[in-house]
Amino acid sequence: MPQASCRLYLITPQRLDPIAFRDSLAAALDAGDVACVQLRLKDATEDDIARATDVLMPVATARDVAFILNDNAPLAAKLGCDGAHLGQGDGNHAAARRLLEGRILGITCHASRHFAMEAGELGADYVAFGAFFPTESKETIHRATPEILAWWHEMFEIPSVAIGGITDANCAPLVQAGADFLAVIGAVWNHPDGSASGVRAMNAAIAAAQIVA
């Protein structure tokens, strides 16, 4: 059964200058519907992440967009973020759920039904599946197919996030399979006409896929 509504979930580039990036983020969020922004700064120090959060979180908050920190639940709580997104190796998920009571906890489940059910049982607010397509943002070890989205949508009420190489050109099968959110990086930040155009293109593709479904 197709998902009635799918929304955009933005992930930041892995390296950025927060001051320079702030305008690009604001333009993206002003261009159309965005549910969430995940700050994903790989290899950055906690001080660098804190500085980026100080600059960028107010941009999201002012637009009623959730601001999520990648990998680090204690730091997300300390900085006052709306939640955290954790991979399978990012600490104790049950402890993170307790720490982030009242906030968002998302968990990467790759292409594993078992991981997803475990995440659901401990109270994750969403499960993330992927990668669905080749991506340059990280090494692709796990590949998922739309079938896992359809299975999850049929069986569970917890939202799913599809991630990995998603663009306006290839997202339709994921929307139609039941993804609640599409997580994108390059499709927005690397769009030739800027981040606002990237958001508009993704939202148009999501809407078109839902009409077809």
N, C-alpha and C. Protein backbone atom coordinates (compact mmCIF):
# COMPACT_ATOMS: atom_id res chain seq x y z
N MET A 1 0.85 -1.20 0.00
CA MET A 1 0.00 0.00 0.00
C MET A 1 0.88 1.24 0.00
N PRO A 2 0.75 2.15 -0.96
CA PRO A 2 1.62 3.31 -1.05
C PRO A 2 1.46 4.23 0.15
N GLN A 3 2.58 4.89 0.50
CA GLN A 3 2.55 5.86 1.58
C GLN A 3 1.84 7.13 1.13
N ALA A 4 0.95 7.65 1.97
CA ALA A 4 0.17 8.82 1.59
C ALA A 4 0.99 10.10 1.58
N SER A 5 2.04 10.15 2.40
CA SER A 5 2.82 11.37 2.51
C SER A 5 4.27 11.05 2.78
N CYS A 6 5.15 11.61 1.98
CA CYS A 6 6.59 11.42 2.15
C CYS A 6 7.23 12.79 2.19
N ARG A 7 8.20 12.96 3.07
CA ARG A 7 8.80 14.27 3.25
C ARG A 7 10.32 14.20 3.11
N LEU A 8 10.91 15.36 2.97
CA LEU A 8 12.34 15.49 2.75
C LEU A 8 13.09 15.58 4.09
N TYR A 9 14.20 14.88 4.17
CA TYR A 9 15.06 14.84 5.36
C TYR A 9 16.46 15.23 4.86
N LEU A 10 16.93 16.41 5.21
CA LEU A 10 18.22 16.89 4.71
C LEU A 10 19.36 16.50 5.64
N ILE A 11 20.45 16.05 5.06
CA ILE A 11 21.68 15.77 5.78
C ILE A 11 22.74 16.73 5.27
N THR A 12 23.46 17.35 6.18
CA THR A 12 24.46 18.33 5.77
C THR A 12 25.66 17.65 5.13
N PRO A 13 26.44 18.41 4.37
CA PRO A 13 27.73 17.88 3.92
C PRO A 13 28.59 17.49 5.12
N GLN A 14 29.55 16.60 4.88
CA GLN A 14 30.39 16.11 5.96
C GLN A 14 31.36 17.17 6.47
N ARG A 15 31.69 18.12 5.64
CA ARG A 15 32.58 19.20 6.04
C ARG A 15 31.97 20.51 5.56
N LEU A 16 31.94 21.48 6.44
CA LEU A 16 31.37 22.77 6.07
C LEU A 16 31.87 23.87 7.00
N ASP A 17 31.82 25.08 6.50
CA ASP A 17 32.04 26.29 7.30
C ASP A 17 30.67 26.75 7.73
N PRO A 18 30.35 26.69 9.02
CA PRO A 18 28.98 27.00 9.45
C PRO A 18 28.48 28.37 9.02
N ILE A 19 29.33 29.37 9.09
CA ILE A 19 28.91 30.72 8.72
C ILE A 19 28.58 30.77 7.23
N ALA A 20 29.45 30.19 6.42
CA ALA A 20 29.21 30.19 4.97
C ALA A 20 28.01 29.33 4.60
N PHE A 21 27.81 28.24 5.34
CA PHE A 21 26.74 27.30 5.01
C PHE A 21 25.37 27.81 5.47
N ARG A 22 25.35 28.71 6.42
CA ARG A 22 24.08 29.15 7.01
C ARG A 22 23.11 29.68 5.96
N ASP A 23 23.58 30.48 5.03
CA ASP A 23 22.68 31.04 4.01
C ASP A 23 22.15 29.96 3.08
N SER A 24 23.00 28.97 2.76
CA SER A 24 22.56 27.87 1.90
C SER A 24 21.49 27.05 2.59
N LEU A 25 21.66 26.83 3.89
CA LEU A 25 20.66 26.10 4.66
C LEU A 25 19.35 26.87 4.72
N ALA A 26 19.44 28.15 4.99
CA ALA A 26 18.22 28.97 5.06
C ALA A 26 17.48 28.95 3.72
N ALA A 27 18.23 29.08 2.64
CA ALA A 27 17.61 29.07 1.31
C ALA A 27 16.90 27.74 1.05
N ALA A 28 17.54 26.65 1.46
CA ALA A 28 16.94 25.32 1.26
C ALA A 28 15.65 25.19 2.05
N LEU A 29 15.68 25.60 3.29
CA LEU A 29 14.50 25.44 4.15
C LEU A 29 13.37 26.37 3.75
N ASP A 30 13.70 27.49 3.14
CA ASP A 30 12.68 28.42 2.68
C ASP A 30 12.07 28.03 1.34
N ALA A 31 12.67 27.05 0.66
CA ALA A 31 12.26 26.71 -0.70
C ALA A 31 11.11 25.71 -0.77
N GLY A 32 10.85 25.01 0.34
CA GLY A 32 9.79 24.01 0.29
C GLY A 32 9.80 23.16 1.55
N ASP A 33 8.97 22.14 1.55
CA ASP A 33 8.79 21.31 2.73
C ASP A 33 10.05 20.51 3.06
N VAL A 34 10.53 20.69 4.28
CA VAL A 34 11.65 19.91 4.82
C VAL A 34 11.27 19.53 6.25
N ALA A 35 11.36 18.26 6.58
CA ALA A 35 10.96 17.80 7.91
C ALA A 35 12.09 17.91 8.92
N CYS A 36 13.31 17.73 8.46
CA CYS A 36 14.42 17.54 9.39
C CYS A 36 15.74 17.91 8.75
N VAL A 37 16.66 18.40 9.55
CA VAL A 37 18.05 18.62 9.14
C VAL A 37 18.95 17.83 10.08
N GLN A 38 19.79 16.99 9.52
CA GLN A 38 20.76 16.24 10.33
C GLN A 38 22.14 16.84 10.12
N LEU A 39 22.77 17.27 11.22
CA LEU A 39 24.14 17.76 11.17
C LEU A 39 25.07 16.56 11.20
N ARG A 40 25.79 16.36 10.12
CA ARG A 40 26.63 15.17 9.97
C ARG A 40 28.04 15.61 9.61
N LEU A 41 28.82 15.93 10.63
CA LEU A 41 30.19 16.39 10.43
C LEU A 41 31.16 15.29 10.83
N LYS A 42 31.60 14.54 9.86
CA LYS A 42 32.52 13.46 10.12
C LYS A 42 33.91 14.01 10.43
N ASP A 43 34.58 13.40 11.39
CA ASP A 43 35.95 13.76 11.77
C ASP A 43 36.06 15.14 12.40
N ALA A 44 34.95 15.74 12.78
CA ALA A 44 34.99 17.03 13.46
C ALA A 44 35.10 16.82 14.97
N THR A 45 35.71 17.78 15.66
CA THR A 45 35.78 17.70 17.11
C THR A 45 34.43 18.10 17.71
N GLU A 46 34.24 17.77 18.98
CA GLU A 46 33.00 18.17 19.63
C GLU A 46 32.87 19.69 19.69
N ASP A 47 33.98 20.38 19.84
CA ASP A 47 33.93 21.85 19.84
C ASP A 47 33.47 22.37 18.49
N ASP A 48 33.97 21.76 17.41
CA ASP A 48 33.56 22.18 16.07
C ASP A 48 32.07 21.90 15.86
N ILE A 49 31.62 20.75 16.32
CA ILE A 49 30.20 20.42 16.19
C ILE A 49 29.35 21.37 17.00
N ALA A 50 29.82 21.73 18.19
CA ALA A 50 29.07 22.68 19.02
C ALA A 50 28.97 24.04 18.35
N ARG A 51 30.07 24.48 17.74
CA ARG A 51 30.04 25.78 17.05
C ARG A 51 29.09 25.74 15.86
N ALA A 52 29.13 24.64 15.11
CA ALA A 52 28.23 24.51 13.96
C ALA A 52 26.77 24.48 14.42
N THR A 53 26.52 23.79 15.52
CA THR A 53 25.16 23.73 16.05
C THR A 53 24.67 25.10 16.48
N ASP A 54 25.53 25.87 17.12
CA ASP A 54 25.17 27.22 17.55
C ASP A 54 24.74 28.09 16.38
N VAL A 55 25.41 27.89 15.24
CA VAL A 55 25.12 28.71 14.06
C VAL A 55 23.91 28.20 13.29
N LEU A 56 23.82 26.88 13.13
CA LEU A 56 22.84 26.29 12.20
C LEU A 56 21.52 25.89 12.84
N MET A 57 21.54 25.46 14.08
CA MET A 57 20.28 25.02 14.69
C MET A 57 19.23 26.13 14.73
N PRO A 58 19.62 27.39 15.04
CA PRO A 58 18.59 28.45 15.04
C PRO A 58 17.92 28.63 13.67
N VAL A 59 18.65 28.35 12.59
CA VAL A 59 18.06 28.47 11.25
C VAL A 59 16.92 27.47 11.09
N ALA A 60 17.16 26.24 11.56
CA ALA A 60 16.12 25.21 11.48
C ALA A 60 14.99 25.48 12.46
N THR A 61 15.34 25.84 13.68
CA THR A 61 14.32 26.08 14.71
C THR A 61 13.36 27.18 14.32
N ALA A 62 13.89 28.23 13.72
CA ALA A 62 13.05 29.36 13.31
C ALA A 62 12.03 28.97 12.26
N ARG A 63 12.29 27.86 11.56
CA ARG A 63 11.40 27.40 10.50
C ARG A 63 10.65 26.13 10.90
N ASP A 64 10.68 25.81 12.18
CA ASP A 64 9.98 24.65 12.72
C ASP A 64 10.44 23.36 12.06
N VAL A 65 11.75 23.26 11.82
CA VAL A 65 12.36 22.08 11.25
C VAL A 65 13.22 21.42 12.32
N ALA A 66 13.06 20.13 12.53
CA ALA A 66 13.82 19.41 13.54
C ALA A 66 15.31 19.43 13.21
N PHE A 67 16.14 19.59 14.22
CA PHE A 67 17.60 19.61 14.05
C PHE A 67 18.19 18.43 14.80
N ILE A 68 18.76 17.49 14.05
CA ILE A 68 19.23 16.22 14.58
C ILE A 68 20.75 16.15 14.46
N LEU A 69 21.40 15.60 15.48
CA LEU A 69 22.85 15.42 15.44
C LEU A 69 23.18 13.97 15.11
N ASN A 70 24.15 13.78 14.25
CA ASN A 70 24.57 12.44 13.85
C ASN A 70 25.56 11.84 14.85
N ASP A 71 25.40 10.57 15.14
CA ASP A 71 26.40 9.73 15.82
C ASP A 71 26.51 9.85 17.33
N ASN A 72 26.09 10.96 17.93
CA ASN A 72 26.47 11.24 19.32
C ASN A 72 25.27 11.68 20.14
N ALA A 73 24.63 10.73 20.83
CA ALA A 73 23.45 11.07 21.62
C ALA A 73 23.77 11.97 22.81
N PRO A 74 24.84 11.69 23.58
CA PRO A 74 25.15 12.58 24.70
C PRO A 74 25.40 14.02 24.27
N LEU A 75 26.10 14.20 23.17
CA LEU A 75 26.37 15.56 22.70
C LEU A 75 25.09 16.22 22.20
N ALA A 76 24.23 15.45 21.55
CA ALA A 76 22.96 16.00 21.09
C ALA A 76 22.15 16.52 22.27
N ALA A 77 22.13 15.75 23.36
CA ALA A 77 21.40 16.17 24.55
C ALA A 77 22.03 17.41 25.16
N LYS A 78 23.35 17.41 25.23
CA LYS A 78 24.08 18.54 25.83
C LYS A 78 23.84 19.83 25.06
N LEU A 79 23.79 19.74 23.73
CA LEU A 79 23.66 20.93 22.89
C LEU A 79 22.21 21.36 22.70
N GLY A 80 21.27 20.57 23.20
CA GLY A 80 19.87 20.93 23.07
C GLY A 80 19.27 20.65 21.72
N CYS A 81 19.88 19.73 20.98
CA CYS A 81 19.33 19.36 19.67
C CYS A 81 17.98 18.66 19.84
N ASP A 82 17.24 18.58 18.75
CA ASP A 82 15.94 17.92 18.79
C ASP A 82 16.06 16.40 18.87
N GLY A 83 17.25 15.89 18.65
CA GLY A 83 17.45 14.46 18.74
C GLY A 83 18.77 14.05 18.14
N ALA A 84 18.93 12.74 17.95
CA ALA A 84 20.16 12.18 17.41
C ALA A 84 19.84 11.04 16.46
N HIS A 85 20.74 10.86 15.51
CA HIS A 85 20.67 9.72 14.60
C HIS A 85 21.89 8.85 14.85
N LEU A 86 21.67 7.58 15.13
CA LEU A 86 22.76 6.68 15.49
C LEU A 86 22.90 5.54 14.51
N GLY A 87 24.14 5.21 14.18
CA GLY A 87 24.43 4.02 13.41
C GLY A 87 24.45 2.80 14.32
N GLN A 88 24.66 1.64 13.74
CA GLN A 88 24.66 0.41 14.53
C GLN A 88 25.82 0.38 15.53
N GLY A 89 26.89 1.10 15.24
CA GLY A 89 28.04 1.10 16.14
C GLY A 89 28.16 2.32 17.01
N ASP A 90 27.13 3.15 17.04
CA ASP A 90 27.21 4.41 17.77
C ASP A 90 26.64 4.29 19.19
N GLY A 91 27.35 3.56 20.03
CA GLY A 91 26.97 3.49 21.43
C GLY A 91 25.79 2.58 21.72
N ASN A 92 25.30 2.68 22.93
CA ASN A 92 24.20 1.86 23.41
C ASN A 92 22.87 2.52 23.05
N HIS A 93 22.13 1.88 22.18
CA HIS A 93 20.89 2.49 21.69
C HIS A 93 19.84 2.62 22.79
N ALA A 94 19.76 1.64 23.65
CA ALA A 94 18.78 1.71 24.73
C ALA A 94 19.11 2.86 25.68
N ALA A 95 20.40 3.04 25.98
CA ALA A 95 20.81 4.15 26.83
C ALA A 95 20.53 5.48 26.15
N ALA A 96 20.75 5.53 24.85
CA ALA A 96 20.46 6.76 24.10
C ALA A 96 18.97 7.08 24.14
N ARG A 97 18.14 6.03 24.08
CA ARG A 97 16.69 6.25 24.15
C ARG A 97 16.31 6.87 25.50
N ARG A 98 16.92 6.38 26.56
CA ARG A 98 16.62 6.95 27.88
C ARG A 98 17.13 8.39 27.98
N LEU A 99 18.32 8.63 27.47
CA LEU A 99 18.92 9.96 27.53
C LEU A 99 18.11 10.98 26.74
N LEU A 100 17.58 10.53 25.62
CA LEU A 100 16.85 11.44 24.72
C LEU A 100 15.34 11.33 24.90
N GLU A 101 14.91 11.08 26.10
CA GLU A 101 13.48 11.00 26.37
C GLU A 101 12.81 12.32 25.96
N GLY A 102 11.76 12.19 25.17
CA GLY A 102 11.07 13.39 24.69
C GLY A 102 11.69 14.00 23.45
N ARG A 103 12.80 13.44 23.00
CA ARG A 103 13.44 13.92 21.77
C ARG A 103 13.48 12.78 20.74
N ILE A 104 13.94 13.11 19.55
CA ILE A 104 13.93 12.16 18.45
C ILE A 104 15.15 11.25 18.50
N LEU A 105 14.93 9.97 18.31
CA LEU A 105 16.02 9.02 18.14
C LEU A 105 15.77 8.23 16.87
N GLY A 106 16.71 8.35 15.94
CA GLY A 106 16.66 7.56 14.71
C GLY A 106 17.82 6.59 14.67
N ILE A 107 17.61 5.43 14.08
CA ILE A 107 18.64 4.39 14.07
C ILE A 107 18.81 3.83 12.66
N THR A 108 20.06 3.76 12.22
CA THR A 108 20.39 3.14 10.95
C THR A 108 20.21 1.63 11.03
N CYS A 109 19.50 1.08 10.08
CA CYS A 109 19.24 -0.37 10.08
C CYS A 109 19.73 -1.05 8.80
N HIS A 110 20.40 -0.30 7.94
CA HIS A 110 20.96 -0.83 6.70
C HIS A 110 19.87 -1.51 5.87
N ALA A 111 20.04 -2.82 5.63
CA ALA A 111 19.01 -3.58 4.90
C ALA A 111 18.50 -4.72 5.76
N SER A 112 18.54 -4.51 7.09
CA SER A 112 18.25 -5.58 8.03
C SER A 112 16.88 -5.43 8.68
N ARG A 113 16.02 -6.40 8.46
CA ARG A 113 14.74 -6.42 9.15
C ARG A 113 14.94 -6.63 10.65
N HIS A 114 15.93 -7.42 11.00
CA HIS A 114 16.21 -7.68 12.42
C HIS A 114 16.61 -6.40 13.14
N PHE A 115 17.55 -5.65 12.57
CA PHE A 115 17.97 -4.39 13.19
C PHE A 115 16.78 -3.45 13.33
N ALA A 116 15.94 -3.40 12.31
CA ALA A 116 14.80 -2.49 12.34
C ALA A 116 13.81 -2.87 13.44
N MET A 117 13.55 -4.15 13.58
CA MET A 117 12.62 -4.57 14.63
C MET A 117 13.22 -4.32 16.02
N GLU A 118 14.52 -4.52 16.17
CA GLU A 118 15.18 -4.20 17.43
C GLU A 118 15.05 -2.71 17.75
N ALA A 119 15.26 -1.87 16.74
CA ALA A 119 15.15 -0.43 16.94
C ALA A 119 13.74 -0.05 17.34
N GLY A 120 12.77 -0.66 16.69
CA GLY A 120 11.38 -0.37 17.03
C GLY A 120 11.04 -0.78 18.45
N GLU A 121 11.57 -1.92 18.87
CA GLU A 121 11.27 -2.43 20.21
C GLU A 121 11.84 -1.54 21.31
N LEU A 122 12.98 -0.90 21.05
CA LEU A 122 13.57 -0.05 22.09
C LEU A 122 13.04 1.38 22.06
N GLY A 123 12.16 1.68 21.09
CA GLY A 123 11.51 2.97 21.08
C GLY A 123 12.07 3.99 20.13
N ALA A 124 12.75 3.57 19.07
CA ALA A 124 13.23 4.52 18.07
C ALA A 124 12.06 5.25 17.44
N ASP A 125 12.28 6.51 17.11
CA ASP A 125 11.23 7.31 16.48
C ASP A 125 11.19 7.08 14.97
N TYR A 126 12.29 6.61 14.41
CA TYR A 126 12.29 6.20 13.01
C TYR A 126 13.43 5.23 12.78
N VAL A 127 13.30 4.43 11.73
CA VAL A 127 14.36 3.53 11.30
C VAL A 127 14.81 3.97 9.91
N ALA A 128 16.10 3.86 9.66
CA ALA A 128 16.66 4.28 8.37
C ALA A 128 17.20 3.08 7.62
N PHE A 129 16.78 2.94 6.38
CA PHE A 129 17.23 1.86 5.52
C PHE A 129 18.07 2.42 4.38
N GLY A 130 19.08 1.65 3.97
CA GLY A 130 19.88 2.06 2.82
C GLY A 130 21.27 1.42 2.88
N ALA A 131 22.08 1.65 1.89
CA ALA A 131 21.87 2.61 0.80
C ALA A 131 21.08 1.98 -0.34
N PHE A 132 20.22 2.80 -0.95
CA PHE A 132 19.41 2.31 -2.05
C PHE A 132 20.10 2.47 -3.39
N PHE A 133 20.99 3.46 -3.49
CA PHE A 133 21.71 3.73 -4.73
C PHE A 133 23.17 4.03 -4.39
N PRO A 134 24.06 3.95 -5.37
CA PRO A 134 25.45 4.32 -5.11
C PRO A 134 25.54 5.75 -4.60
N THR A 135 26.44 5.97 -3.67
CA THR A 135 26.59 7.30 -3.08
C THR A 135 28.06 7.60 -2.83
N GLU A 136 28.41 8.86 -2.95
CA GLU A 136 29.79 9.28 -2.71
C GLU A 136 29.99 9.77 -1.28
N SER A 137 28.93 9.85 -0.49
CA SER A 137 29.05 10.43 0.85
C SER A 137 29.69 9.47 1.84
N LYS A 138 29.61 8.16 1.56
CA LYS A 138 30.25 7.17 2.44
C LYS A 138 30.39 5.87 1.67
N GLU A 139 31.26 5.00 2.16
CA GLU A 139 31.44 3.70 1.52
C GLU A 139 30.15 2.90 1.61
N THR A 140 29.71 2.36 0.48
CA THR A 140 28.47 1.60 0.45
C THR A 140 28.77 0.13 0.71
N ILE A 141 28.42 -0.31 1.92
CA ILE A 141 28.61 -1.71 2.30
C ILE A 141 27.29 -2.47 2.21
N HIS A 142 26.22 -1.81 2.61
CA HIS A 142 24.90 -2.43 2.63
C HIS A 142 24.03 -1.82 1.54
N ARG A 143 23.36 -2.67 0.79
CA ARG A 143 22.44 -2.20 -0.23
C ARG A 143 21.03 -2.67 0.10
N ALA A 144 20.10 -1.74 0.07
CA ALA A 144 18.70 -2.04 0.36
C ALA A 144 17.88 -1.93 -0.92
N THR A 145 16.70 -2.52 -0.91
CA THR A 145 15.79 -2.44 -2.04
C THR A 145 14.45 -1.90 -1.55
N PRO A 146 13.61 -1.41 -2.46
CA PRO A 146 12.31 -0.88 -2.04
C PRO A 146 11.44 -1.88 -1.29
N GLU A 147 11.70 -3.16 -1.47
CA GLU A 147 10.88 -4.18 -0.81
C GLU A 147 10.93 -4.05 0.71
N ILE A 148 12.08 -3.65 1.25
CA ILE A 148 12.15 -3.54 2.72
C ILE A 148 11.31 -2.37 3.22
N LEU A 149 11.20 -1.33 2.41
CA LEU A 149 10.32 -0.21 2.77
C LEU A 149 8.86 -0.65 2.74
N ALA A 150 8.51 -1.40 1.72
CA ALA A 150 7.12 -1.86 1.61
C ALA A 150 6.76 -2.79 2.76
N TRP A 151 7.70 -3.68 3.11
CA TRP A 151 7.47 -4.59 4.25
C TRP A 151 7.29 -3.81 5.54
N TRP A 152 8.18 -2.86 5.78
CA TRP A 152 8.09 -2.09 7.03
C TRP A 152 6.79 -1.29 7.09
N HIS A 153 6.44 -0.67 5.98
CA HIS A 153 5.22 0.15 5.93
C HIS A 153 3.98 -0.70 6.18
N GLU A 154 3.99 -1.91 5.70
CA GLU A 154 2.85 -2.80 5.87
C GLU A 154 2.73 -3.31 7.30
N MET A 155 3.87 -3.50 7.97
CA MET A 155 3.89 -4.19 9.26
C MET A 155 3.94 -3.26 10.47
N PHE A 156 4.51 -2.07 10.31
CA PHE A 156 4.79 -1.23 11.48
C PHE A 156 4.35 0.21 11.26
N GLU A 157 4.10 0.91 12.37
CA GLU A 157 3.68 2.31 12.30
C GLU A 157 4.85 3.28 12.44
N ILE A 158 5.99 2.81 12.93
CA ILE A 158 7.15 3.68 13.10
C ILE A 158 7.63 4.13 11.72
N PRO A 159 7.89 5.43 11.53
CA PRO A 159 8.30 5.93 10.21
C PRO A 159 9.63 5.33 9.74
N SER A 160 9.77 5.28 8.43
CA SER A 160 11.02 4.83 7.82
C SER A 160 11.66 5.97 7.03
N VAL A 161 12.98 5.96 7.03
CA VAL A 161 13.77 6.91 6.25
C VAL A 161 14.58 6.13 5.23
N ALA A 162 14.49 6.51 3.98
CA ALA A 162 15.32 5.92 2.93
C ALA A 162 16.52 6.82 2.69
N ILE A 163 17.70 6.22 2.54
CA ILE A 163 18.93 6.99 2.40
C ILE A 163 19.86 6.31 1.41
N GLY A 164 20.71 7.11 0.78
CA GLY A 164 21.76 6.56 -0.05
C GLY A 164 21.59 6.85 -1.52
N GLY A 165 22.23 7.92 -2.00
CA GLY A 165 22.24 8.23 -3.42
C GLY A 165 20.91 8.64 -4.01
N ILE A 166 20.01 9.13 -3.19
CA ILE A 166 18.66 9.46 -3.65
C ILE A 166 18.63 10.82 -4.33
N THR A 167 17.98 10.87 -5.49
CA THR A 167 17.84 12.11 -6.26
C THR A 167 16.39 12.25 -6.72
N ASP A 168 16.10 13.40 -7.34
CA ASP A 168 14.76 13.58 -7.89
C ASP A 168 14.48 12.63 -9.04
N ALA A 169 15.54 12.12 -9.66
CA ALA A 169 15.38 11.23 -10.81
C ALA A 169 15.11 9.77 -10.42
N ASN A 170 15.51 9.38 -9.22
CA ASN A 170 15.40 7.96 -8.88
C ASN A 170 14.54 7.66 -7.65
N CYS A 171 13.93 8.68 -7.06
CA CYS A 171 13.26 8.49 -5.78
C CYS A 171 11.87 7.87 -5.86
N ALA A 172 11.25 7.88 -7.04
CA ALA A 172 9.84 7.46 -7.14
C ALA A 172 9.57 6.06 -6.57
N PRO A 173 10.40 5.04 -6.87
CA PRO A 173 10.10 3.71 -6.31
C PRO A 173 10.14 3.67 -4.78
N LEU A 174 10.94 4.53 -4.17
CA LEU A 174 11.04 4.56 -2.71
C LEU A 174 9.81 5.20 -2.10
N VAL A 175 9.35 6.27 -2.73
CA VAL A 175 8.12 6.92 -2.28
C VAL A 175 6.94 5.96 -2.41
N GLN A 176 6.87 5.30 -3.54
CA GLN A 176 5.74 4.41 -3.80
C GLN A 176 5.79 3.14 -2.95
N ALA A 177 6.98 2.77 -2.47
CA ALA A 177 7.10 1.60 -1.61
C ALA A 177 6.68 1.91 -0.18
N GLY A 178 6.61 3.20 0.17
CA GLY A 178 6.13 3.55 1.50
C GLY A 178 7.10 4.29 2.39
N ALA A 179 8.21 4.80 1.84
CA ALA A 179 9.14 5.58 2.66
C ALA A 179 8.42 6.81 3.21
N ASP A 180 8.61 7.07 4.49
CA ASP A 180 8.02 8.27 5.10
C ASP A 180 8.90 9.50 4.87
N PHE A 181 10.21 9.27 4.75
CA PHE A 181 11.16 10.36 4.55
C PHE A 181 12.23 9.92 3.56
N LEU A 182 12.71 10.85 2.77
CA LEU A 182 13.85 10.63 1.89
C LEU A 182 15.00 11.47 2.39
N ALA A 183 16.10 10.83 2.79
CA ALA A 183 17.29 11.54 3.27
C ALA A 183 18.21 11.81 2.10
N VAL A 184 18.55 13.08 1.91
CA VAL A 184 19.37 13.45 0.76
C VAL A 184 20.50 14.38 1.19
N ILE A 185 21.58 14.30 0.44
CA ILE A 185 22.72 15.19 0.65
C ILE A 185 23.02 15.89 -0.67
N GLY A 186 23.67 15.18 -1.58
CA GLY A 186 24.12 15.78 -2.83
C GLY A 186 23.01 16.33 -3.70
N ALA A 187 21.83 15.69 -3.67
CA ALA A 187 20.72 16.14 -4.53
C ALA A 187 20.31 17.57 -4.22
N VAL A 188 20.59 18.03 -3.00
CA VAL A 188 20.27 19.41 -2.63
C VAL A 188 21.51 20.28 -2.62
N TRP A 189 22.54 19.88 -1.88
CA TRP A 189 23.70 20.77 -1.71
C TRP A 189 24.55 20.87 -2.96
N ASN A 190 24.51 19.86 -3.82
CA ASN A 190 25.29 19.90 -5.06
C ASN A 190 24.45 20.24 -6.28
N HIS A 191 23.21 20.67 -6.07
CA HIS A 191 22.37 21.02 -7.21
C HIS A 191 23.00 22.18 -7.98
N PRO A 192 23.07 22.09 -9.30
CA PRO A 192 23.76 23.14 -10.07
C PRO A 192 23.15 24.53 -9.92
N ASP A 193 21.89 24.59 -9.56
CA ASP A 193 21.23 25.89 -9.40
C ASP A 193 21.06 26.29 -7.94
N GLY A 194 21.73 25.58 -7.05
CA GLY A 194 21.69 25.95 -5.64
C GLY A 194 20.76 25.09 -4.82
N SER A 195 20.89 25.21 -3.50
CA SER A 195 20.16 24.34 -2.57
C SER A 195 18.65 24.53 -2.65
N ALA A 196 18.20 25.75 -2.89
CA ALA A 196 16.76 25.98 -2.99
C ALA A 196 16.17 25.20 -4.17
N SER A 197 16.87 25.24 -5.28
CA SER A 197 16.41 24.48 -6.45
C SER A 197 16.43 22.98 -6.18
N GLY A 198 17.41 22.54 -5.40
CA GLY A 198 17.47 21.13 -5.05
C GLY A 198 16.28 20.70 -4.23
N VAL A 199 15.88 21.51 -3.26
CA VAL A 199 14.70 21.19 -2.45
C VAL A 199 13.45 21.19 -3.31
N ARG A 200 13.31 22.19 -4.17
CA ARG A 200 12.12 22.25 -5.03
C ARG A 200 12.04 21.04 -5.95
N ALA A 201 13.17 20.63 -6.49
CA ALA A 201 13.18 19.47 -7.39
C ALA A 201 12.81 18.20 -6.64
N MET A 202 13.34 18.03 -5.43
CA MET A 202 13.01 16.83 -4.66
C MET A 202 11.54 16.82 -4.27
N ASN A 203 11.02 17.94 -3.82
CA ASN A 203 9.61 17.97 -3.43
C ASN A 203 8.69 17.74 -4.62
N ALA A 204 9.07 18.24 -5.78
CA ALA A 204 8.27 18.02 -6.99
C ALA A 204 8.28 16.55 -7.36
N ALA A 205 9.43 15.90 -7.24
CA ALA A 205 9.53 14.48 -7.57
C ALA A 205 8.73 13.62 -6.60
N ILE A 206 8.77 13.98 -5.31
CA ILE A 206 7.99 13.25 -4.31
C ILE A 206 6.49 13.38 -4.62
N ALA A 207 6.05 14.60 -4.91
CA ALA A 207 4.63 14.83 -5.21
C ALA A 207 4.20 14.06 -6.45
N ALA A 208 5.06 14.05 -7.48
CA ALA A 208 4.73 13.35 -8.70
C ALA A 208 4.63 11.86 -8.48
N ALA A 209 5.51 11.31 -7.67
CA ALA A 209 5.50 9.88 -7.37
C ALA A 209 4.23 9.49 -6.62
N GLN A 210 3.78 10.36 -5.72
CA GLN A 210 2.58 10.06 -4.95
C GLN A 210 1.33 10.13 -5.82
N ILE A 211 1.33 11.01 -6.81
CA ILE A 211 0.19 11.10 -7.72
C ILE A 211 0.09 9.82 -8.55
N VAL A 212 1.24 9.35 -9.02
CA VAL A 212 1.27 8.12 -9.83
C VAL A 212 0.82 6.94 -8.99
N ALA A 213 1.27 6.92 -7.70
CA ALA A 213 0.92 5.80 -6.83
C ALA A 213 -0.58 5.78 -6.57
